[in-house]
Amino acid sequence: MGSITDWLGGLSGPVVYAVVFALVFAEDALFVGFVVPGETAVVLGGVLASQGKVSV
C-alpha cells in the first residue's frame, strides 16, 4: 500500500484528482467494482490529502 501512495504522491495534484475520479467513476458507472474498488481510491485520496500532497 505504501508504494501506491508513494506513486500517487509523486504525481501532480490534478493528476491525482483525475486518477481518483476515474477509479470511482469506473466502479459506479461502468460496474467494474469487482476489479477496481472505488472506495479504495477515495481512501488513498484521503491519505494523500492528510499528508498535504493534495487539497480536499
Protein backbone atom coordinates (compact mmCIF):
# COMPACT_ATOMS: atom_id res chain seq x y z
CA MET A 1 0.00 0.00 0.00
CA GLY A 2 2.90 2.33 0.69
CA SER A 3 4.20 2.02 -2.83
CA ILE A 4 0.82 3.05 -4.26
CA THR A 5 0.63 6.15 -2.07
CA ASP A 6 4.24 6.97 -2.94
CA TRP A 7 3.45 6.65 -6.64
CA LEU A 8 0.31 8.79 -6.36
CA GLY A 9 2.12 11.26 -4.10
CA GLY A 10 4.73 11.79 -6.80
CA LEU A 11 2.07 12.92 -9.27
CA SER A 12 0.80 16.46 -9.56
CA GLY A 13 -2.44 17.43 -7.81
CA PRO A 14 -4.71 17.48 -10.87
CA VAL A 15 -3.44 14.06 -11.98
CA VAL A 16 -4.18 12.60 -8.53
CA TYR A 17 -7.69 14.04 -8.71
CA ALA A 18 -8.14 12.53 -12.18
CA VAL A 19 -6.92 9.08 -11.08
CA VAL A 20 -9.21 9.04 -8.02
CA PHE A 21 -12.14 10.29 -10.11
CA ALA A 22 -11.51 7.70 -12.84
CA LEU A 23 -11.42 4.82 -10.37
CA VAL A 24 -14.60 5.92 -8.60
CA PHE A 25 -16.33 6.57 -11.93
CA ALA A 26 -15.28 3.15 -13.24
CA GLU A 27 -16.77 1.47 -10.20
CA ASP A 28 -20.05 3.38 -10.15
CA ALA A 29 -20.85 3.98 -13.81
CA LEU A 30 -19.09 1.14 -15.59
CA PHE A 31 -19.73 -1.51 -12.90
CA VAL A 32 -16.14 -2.70 -12.63
CA GLY A 33 -16.26 -2.55 -8.83
CA PHE A 34 -15.31 -6.17 -8.59
CA VAL A 35 -11.96 -5.43 -10.22
CA VAL A 36 -11.33 -1.80 -9.23
CA PRO A 37 -12.89 -0.82 -5.89
CA GLY A 38 -13.68 2.90 -5.84
CA GLU A 39 -13.70 3.11 -2.05
CA THR A 40 -10.01 2.22 -2.01
CA ALA A 41 -9.27 5.09 -4.37
CA VAL A 42 -11.19 7.51 -2.16
CA VAL A 43 -9.29 6.32 0.93
CA LEU A 44 -5.98 6.73 -0.90
CA GLY A 45 -7.03 10.24 -1.91
CA GLY A 46 -7.81 10.97 1.73
CA VAL A 47 -4.41 9.68 2.80
CA LEU A 48 -2.70 11.95 0.30
CA ALA A 49 -4.80 14.88 1.48
CA SER A 50 -3.85 14.20 5.10
CA GLN A 51 -0.18 14.21 4.08
CA GLY A 52 -0.65 17.61 2.43
CA LYS A 53 0.11 16.39 -1.09
CA VAL A 54 -3.34 17.37 -2.40
CA SER A 55 -6.14 19.50 -1.05
CA VAL A 56 -9.53 18.19 -0.09
